Amino acid sequence: MATGELARALRSWRDRVSPSDVGLPDAGPRRTAGLRREELAALAGVSVDYLVRLEQGRARNPSTQVLAALARALRLSPAERDLLYRAAGAQPPAAGVVPRHIGPGTARILDRLADTPVAVFTASWDLVHANPLWNALLGIAETGSARSGNLVWRHFTGVPSPVVHTAEEHDRFGRELVGDLRGAIARYPDDRDLAALVAELRETSTAFAQRWDDFAVLPRTAGRKTVHSPAVGLVTLDCDVLATLDSDLRIIVYTARPHSEDASKLDLLRVTGHGQAGWRPGSGAPATGRP
């Protein structure tokens, strides 16, 4: 479709979203009821200049990562997300591939968990969102790899993790991840990237290949994790994995026991403002600590 249609759609969707809808404070009187360009740019992890060019019809062919980030920031429904993709000349995500879209309801839940370390992963364990406190707790790690945001890839290729595991915990976690990938392959047989991930891991990691070929599927259990945080040192937290039924996403939530030393360390992270803006697709290197 025409670039002009994309520009008009973005302006219309931006005008209908208020700061309170996306967890932003009200900064006083506004000329319009919706988000300012700089606010949307920050939420989507793109530059204000690039957003201006999109809204003026001067930027063409935005990446699917940028489109996914804009869809989330604008709180688009799945139908509106597909319209956004088509207006940008891109194919909307197919039904047989792993969902990456964070819907409006899930986004509102994430907004209300701003004082808790939270990240969102796909069914194949690709990171699609991490909030500032998650980034502050785990730190940002760049690997230079196209797979750097995938948790299974990082686990089986030995990328350093701030989460402290015993040998037994490391082995069990790996088996849980392999079981998750088997389930994802069964649900999304048309996802070429998922199939490529499995093929690359079988070639790269002997441990992954062995676990993949034994067909064992371990049930995932909630547990406590000890994180070696670059900001506050060792922190032991409860780690819960919450599933969204409509989009098959995994929301990872870290919480501390009330009045504990670990809770005090999380409070310190909140107060000192060590967090960076939450990573979003297209905004650079993700926070890649293991949950």
Protein backbone atom coordinates (compact mmCIF):
# COMPACT_ATOMS: atom_id res chain seq x y z
CA MET A 1 0.00 0.00 0.00
CA ALA A 2 0.99 3.62 -0.32
CA THR A 3 3.45 5.14 2.12
CA GLY A 4 0.90 7.92 2.70
CA GLU A 5 -1.55 5.41 4.17
CA LEU A 6 1.05 4.24 6.67
CA ALA A 7 1.75 7.86 7.65
CA ARG A 8 -1.95 8.61 8.20
CA ALA A 9 -2.50 5.40 10.16
CA LEU A 10 0.42 6.09 12.51
CA ARG A 11 -0.78 9.63 13.22
CA SER A 12 -4.32 8.41 13.86
CA TRP A 13 -3.25 5.62 16.21
CA ARG A 14 -0.85 7.93 18.08
CA ASP A 15 -3.61 10.49 18.63
CA ARG A 16 -5.90 7.96 20.29
CA VAL A 17 -3.37 6.70 22.88
CA SER A 18 -3.09 8.78 26.05
CA PRO A 19 0.04 8.79 28.24
CA SER A 20 -1.87 7.04 31.03
CA ASP A 21 -2.75 4.22 28.61
CA VAL A 22 0.94 3.31 28.36
CA GLY A 23 1.99 4.01 31.93
CA LEU A 24 3.48 7.46 31.33
CA PRO A 25 2.94 10.40 33.70
CA ASP A 26 0.77 13.29 32.57
CA ALA A 27 3.20 16.07 31.63
CA GLY A 28 0.62 18.84 31.67
CA PRO A 29 -1.48 20.53 28.96
CA ARG A 30 -1.19 19.11 25.44
CA ARG A 31 -2.19 20.38 22.04
CA THR A 32 -3.52 16.90 21.26
CA ALA A 33 -4.96 14.19 23.49
CA GLY A 34 -2.60 11.49 22.27
CA LEU A 35 1.07 10.66 22.65
CA ARG A 36 3.78 13.09 21.64
CA ARG A 37 6.14 11.87 18.95
CA GLU A 38 9.05 11.68 21.37
CA GLU A 39 6.97 9.53 23.72
CA LEU A 40 6.00 7.06 21.02
CA ALA A 41 9.57 6.97 19.72
CA ALA A 42 10.87 6.12 23.20
CA LEU A 43 8.24 3.43 23.72
CA ALA A 44 9.01 1.83 20.35
CA GLY A 45 12.79 2.17 20.63
CA VAL A 46 13.21 4.27 17.47
CA SER A 47 14.59 7.75 16.97
CA VAL A 48 12.23 10.72 16.92
CA ASP A 49 13.63 11.70 13.50
CA TYR A 50 12.79 8.29 12.07
CA LEU A 51 9.25 8.44 13.48
CA VAL A 52 8.78 11.92 11.98
CA ARG A 53 9.87 10.59 8.58
CA LEU A 54 7.44 7.67 8.89
CA GLU A 55 4.56 9.99 9.80
CA GLN A 56 5.43 12.33 6.93
CA GLY A 57 5.65 9.51 4.41
CA ARG A 58 9.38 10.07 3.82
CA ALA A 59 10.62 6.75 5.24
CA ARG A 60 10.00 3.54 3.32
CA ASN A 61 10.14 -0.17 4.12
CA PRO A 62 10.41 -0.16 7.93
CA SER A 63 11.67 -3.48 9.26
CA THR A 64 9.32 -6.03 10.77
CA GLN A 65 11.11 -5.47 14.10
CA VAL A 66 10.22 -1.78 14.00
CA LEU A 67 6.63 -2.57 12.98
CA ALA A 68 6.27 -5.03 15.87
CA ALA A 69 7.62 -2.43 18.30
CA LEU A 70 5.24 0.24 16.98
CA ALA A 71 2.29 -2.16 17.22
CA ARG A 72 3.04 -2.82 20.85
CA ALA A 73 3.66 0.84 21.74
CA LEU A 74 0.40 1.90 20.05
CA ARG A 75 -1.58 -0.88 21.75
CA LEU A 76 -2.82 -2.24 18.42
CA SER A 77 -5.16 -5.20 18.23
CA PRO A 78 -4.06 -8.17 16.06
CA ALA A 79 -6.25 -6.89 13.19
CA GLU A 80 -4.77 -3.39 13.48
CA ARG A 81 -1.27 -4.84 13.65
CA ASP A 82 -1.91 -6.68 10.38
CA LEU A 83 -3.16 -3.42 8.83
CA LEU A 84 0.04 -1.70 9.98
CA TYR A 85 2.19 -4.36 8.30
CA ARG A 86 0.24 -4.18 5.03
CA ALA A 87 0.32 -0.37 4.99
CA ALA A 88 4.11 -0.64 5.32
CA GLY A 89 4.30 -3.10 2.44
CA ALA A 90 5.15 -6.06 4.70
CA GLN A 91 3.49 -9.42 5.19
CA PRO A 92 1.66 -9.74 8.51
CA PRO A 93 2.82 -12.65 10.70
CA ALA A 94 1.39 -15.91 9.36
CA ALA A 95 -0.91 -18.11 11.43
CA GLY A 96 1.57 -20.99 11.47
CA VAL A 97 4.51 -19.08 12.96
CA VAL A 98 5.46 -18.26 16.54
CA PRO A 99 3.49 -15.19 17.74
CA ARG A 100 5.52 -12.15 18.80
CA HIS A 101 2.74 -9.59 19.23
CA ILE A 102 2.09 -8.23 22.72
CA GLY A 103 -1.61 -7.40 22.80
CA PRO A 104 -3.17 -4.39 24.54
CA GLY A 105 -4.28 -6.37 27.60
CA THR A 106 -0.87 -7.92 28.16
CA ALA A 107 0.78 -4.53 27.60
CA ARG A 108 -1.40 -2.99 30.34
CA ILE A 109 -0.36 -5.77 32.72
CA LEU A 110 3.30 -5.06 31.95
CA ASP A 111 2.74 -1.34 32.60
CA ARG A 112 1.48 -2.16 36.09
CA LEU A 113 4.52 -4.32 36.83
CA ALA A 114 6.96 -1.46 36.30
CA ASP A 115 8.44 -1.86 39.80
CA THR A 116 9.15 -5.58 39.20
CA PRO A 117 11.79 -7.15 36.91
CA VAL A 118 9.74 -8.47 33.98
CA ALA A 119 10.56 -9.77 30.50
CA VAL A 120 8.47 -11.30 27.73
CA PHE A 121 9.62 -14.21 25.56
CA THR A 122 8.01 -16.03 22.64
CA ALA A 123 7.16 -19.74 22.64
CA SER A 124 10.61 -20.32 21.09
CA TRP A 125 12.27 -18.18 23.80
CA ASP A 126 13.07 -15.10 21.73
CA LEU A 127 13.11 -11.97 23.90
CA VAL A 128 10.53 -9.44 22.73
CA HIS A 129 10.38 -7.05 25.71
CA ALA A 130 12.29 -6.32 28.90
CA ASN A 131 11.41 -3.56 31.33
CA PRO A 132 14.02 -1.17 32.81
CA LEU A 133 14.21 -2.99 36.15
CA TRP A 134 14.90 -6.31 34.40
CA ASN A 135 17.72 -4.63 32.49
CA ALA A 136 19.05 -3.03 35.67
CA LEU A 137 19.02 -6.36 37.51
CA LEU A 138 20.55 -8.52 34.77
CA GLY A 139 22.63 -6.04 32.81
CA ILE A 140 22.93 -5.72 29.05
CA ALA A 141 25.07 -8.25 27.19
CA GLU A 142 26.00 -7.93 23.52
CA THR A 143 27.20 -11.01 21.66
CA GLY A 144 27.17 -9.81 18.07
CA SER A 145 25.09 -12.86 17.18
CA ALA A 146 21.77 -12.75 15.35
CA ARG A 147 20.60 -15.28 17.95
CA SER A 148 21.66 -13.15 20.92
CA GLY A 149 18.08 -12.58 22.04
CA ASN A 150 17.19 -16.29 22.09
CA LEU A 151 17.41 -17.94 25.48
CA VAL A 152 17.86 -21.51 24.18
CA TRP A 153 20.71 -20.45 21.90
CA ARG A 154 22.48 -18.65 24.72
CA HIS A 155 22.10 -21.58 27.10
CA PHE A 156 23.49 -24.22 24.75
CA THR A 157 26.25 -22.13 23.17
CA GLY A 158 27.74 -21.09 26.51
CA VAL A 159 27.01 -17.36 26.48
CA PRO A 160 27.76 -16.09 30.03
CA SER A 161 24.68 -15.59 32.18
CA PRO A 162 24.20 -13.50 35.33
CA VAL A 163 21.97 -16.27 36.73
CA VAL A 164 23.92 -18.63 38.97
CA HIS A 165 23.13 -22.31 38.33
CA THR A 166 24.51 -25.47 39.86
CA ALA A 167 25.47 -28.17 37.35
CA GLU A 168 22.22 -30.01 38.12
CA GLU A 169 20.13 -26.86 37.72
CA HIS A 170 21.89 -26.01 34.46
CA ASP A 171 21.16 -29.47 33.06
CA ARG A 172 17.51 -29.45 34.11
CA PHE A 173 16.98 -25.94 32.74
CA GLY A 174 18.43 -27.03 29.40
CA ARG A 175 16.11 -30.04 29.27
CA GLU A 176 13.11 -27.82 30.05
CA LEU A 177 14.08 -25.47 27.21
CA VAL A 178 14.42 -28.34 24.74
CA GLY A 179 10.99 -29.60 25.75
CA ASP A 180 9.58 -26.12 25.18
CA LEU A 181 11.08 -26.03 21.68
CA ARG A 182 9.57 -29.43 20.88
CA GLY A 183 6.16 -28.10 21.85
CA ALA A 184 6.69 -24.96 19.78
CA ILE A 185 7.69 -27.01 16.71
CA ALA A 186 4.49 -29.03 17.05
CA ARG A 187 2.30 -25.91 17.35
CA TYR A 188 4.07 -23.84 14.67
CA PRO A 189 5.20 -26.25 11.94
CA ASP A 190 5.40 -23.47 9.32
CA ASP A 191 7.84 -21.27 11.26
CA ARG A 192 11.06 -21.36 9.22
CA ASP A 193 13.08 -19.40 11.76
CA LEU A 194 12.14 -21.86 14.51
CA ALA A 195 13.10 -24.81 12.32
CA ALA A 196 16.39 -23.08 11.48
CA LEU A 197 17.07 -22.45 15.17
CA VAL A 198 16.68 -26.15 15.97
CA ALA A 199 18.86 -27.17 13.01
CA GLU A 200 21.61 -24.72 13.95
CA LEU A 201 21.57 -25.81 17.58
CA ARG A 202 21.84 -29.49 16.59
CA GLU A 203 24.93 -28.65 14.54
CA THR A 204 26.45 -26.29 17.11
CA SER A 205 25.75 -28.01 20.44
CA THR A 206 26.31 -31.68 21.15
CA ALA A 207 24.38 -31.32 24.41
CA PHE A 208 21.37 -29.89 22.57
CA ALA A 209 21.48 -32.62 19.91
CA GLN A 210 21.54 -35.33 22.57
CA ARG A 211 18.62 -33.85 24.46
CA TRP A 212 16.67 -33.24 21.26
CA ASP A 213 17.09 -36.88 20.21
CA ASP A 214 16.03 -38.39 23.53
CA PHE A 215 12.48 -36.90 23.21
CA ALA A 216 12.20 -36.30 26.96
CA VAL A 217 9.88 -33.44 27.95
CA LEU A 218 10.28 -32.19 31.51
CA PRO A 219 7.49 -30.20 33.14
CA ARG A 220 8.48 -26.61 33.82
CA THR A 221 8.48 -25.69 37.49
CA ALA A 222 8.61 -22.37 39.29
CA GLY A 223 11.70 -21.85 41.39
CA ARG A 224 14.14 -19.48 43.03
CA LYS A 225 16.99 -17.96 41.06
CA THR A 226 20.18 -16.35 42.25
CA VAL A 227 21.30 -13.51 40.01
CA HIS A 228 24.77 -11.97 40.08
CA SER A 229 23.64 -8.45 39.28
CA PRO A 230 26.29 -6.01 38.03
CA ALA A 231 24.50 -3.28 39.99
CA VAL A 232 23.76 -4.79 43.42
CA GLY A 233 25.60 -8.13 43.60
CA LEU A 234 23.97 -11.45 44.44
CA VAL A 235 20.17 -11.40 44.63
CA THR A 236 17.96 -14.46 45.21
CA LEU A 237 14.44 -14.12 43.82
CA ASP A 238 11.34 -16.16 43.08
CA CYS A 239 11.01 -16.73 39.32
CA ASP A 240 7.56 -17.35 37.88
CA VAL A 241 6.70 -18.04 34.24
CA LEU A 242 3.23 -16.79 33.26
CA ALA A 243 1.67 -17.80 29.94
CA THR A 244 -0.67 -15.70 27.80
CA LEU A 245 -3.33 -17.87 26.22
CA ASP A 246 -4.11 -15.66 23.22
CA SER A 247 -0.54 -15.06 21.99
CA ASP A 248 1.43 -17.95 23.53
CA LEU A 249 3.95 -15.58 25.13
CA ARG A 250 5.89 -16.23 28.33
CA ILE A 251 6.03 -13.46 30.93
CA ILE A 252 8.96 -13.94 33.32
CA VAL A 253 8.51 -12.21 36.68
CA TYR A 254 11.13 -11.93 39.43
CA THR A 255 9.89 -11.11 42.94
CA ALA A 256 11.61 -10.86 46.32
CA ARG A 257 10.31 -12.06 49.65
CA PRO A 258 8.99 -9.09 51.65
CA HIS A 259 11.37 -7.40 54.09
CA SER A 260 14.32 -9.51 52.91
CA GLU A 261 17.80 -8.32 51.98
CA ASP A 262 16.95 -9.22 48.38
CA ALA A 263 13.88 -6.97 48.50
CA SER A 264 16.12 -4.15 49.74
CA LYS A 265 18.46 -4.66 46.80
CA LEU A 266 15.55 -4.39 44.35
CA ASP A 267 14.45 -1.21 46.16
CA LEU A 268 17.98 0.15 45.69
CA LEU A 269 17.78 -0.54 41.95
CA ARG A 270 14.49 1.34 41.72
CA VAL A 271 15.73 4.33 43.71
CA THR A 272 19.15 4.71 42.10
CA GLY A 273 17.74 4.52 38.57
CA HIS A 274 20.30 2.10 37.19
CA GLY A 275 17.73 0.81 34.70
CA GLN A 276 17.94 1.47 31.00
CA ALA A 277 14.93 1.88 28.74
CA GLY A 278 13.34 -1.53 28.27
CA TRP A 279 14.64 -3.36 25.22
CA ARG A 280 12.29 -3.69 22.28
CA PRO A 281 12.75 -5.22 18.85
CA GLY A 282 14.74 -2.87 16.66
CA SER A 283 16.17 -0.87 19.57
CA GLY A 284 19.56 -2.54 19.77
CA ALA A 285 20.99 -5.28 21.94
CA PRO A 286 18.55 -6.95 24.32
CA ALA A 287 18.94 -7.80 27.94
CA THR A 288 19.81 -11.44 27.67
CA GLY A 289 20.10 -12.90 31.14
CA ARG A 290 18.47 -16.26 31.66
CA PRO A 291 15.24 -16.34 33.69
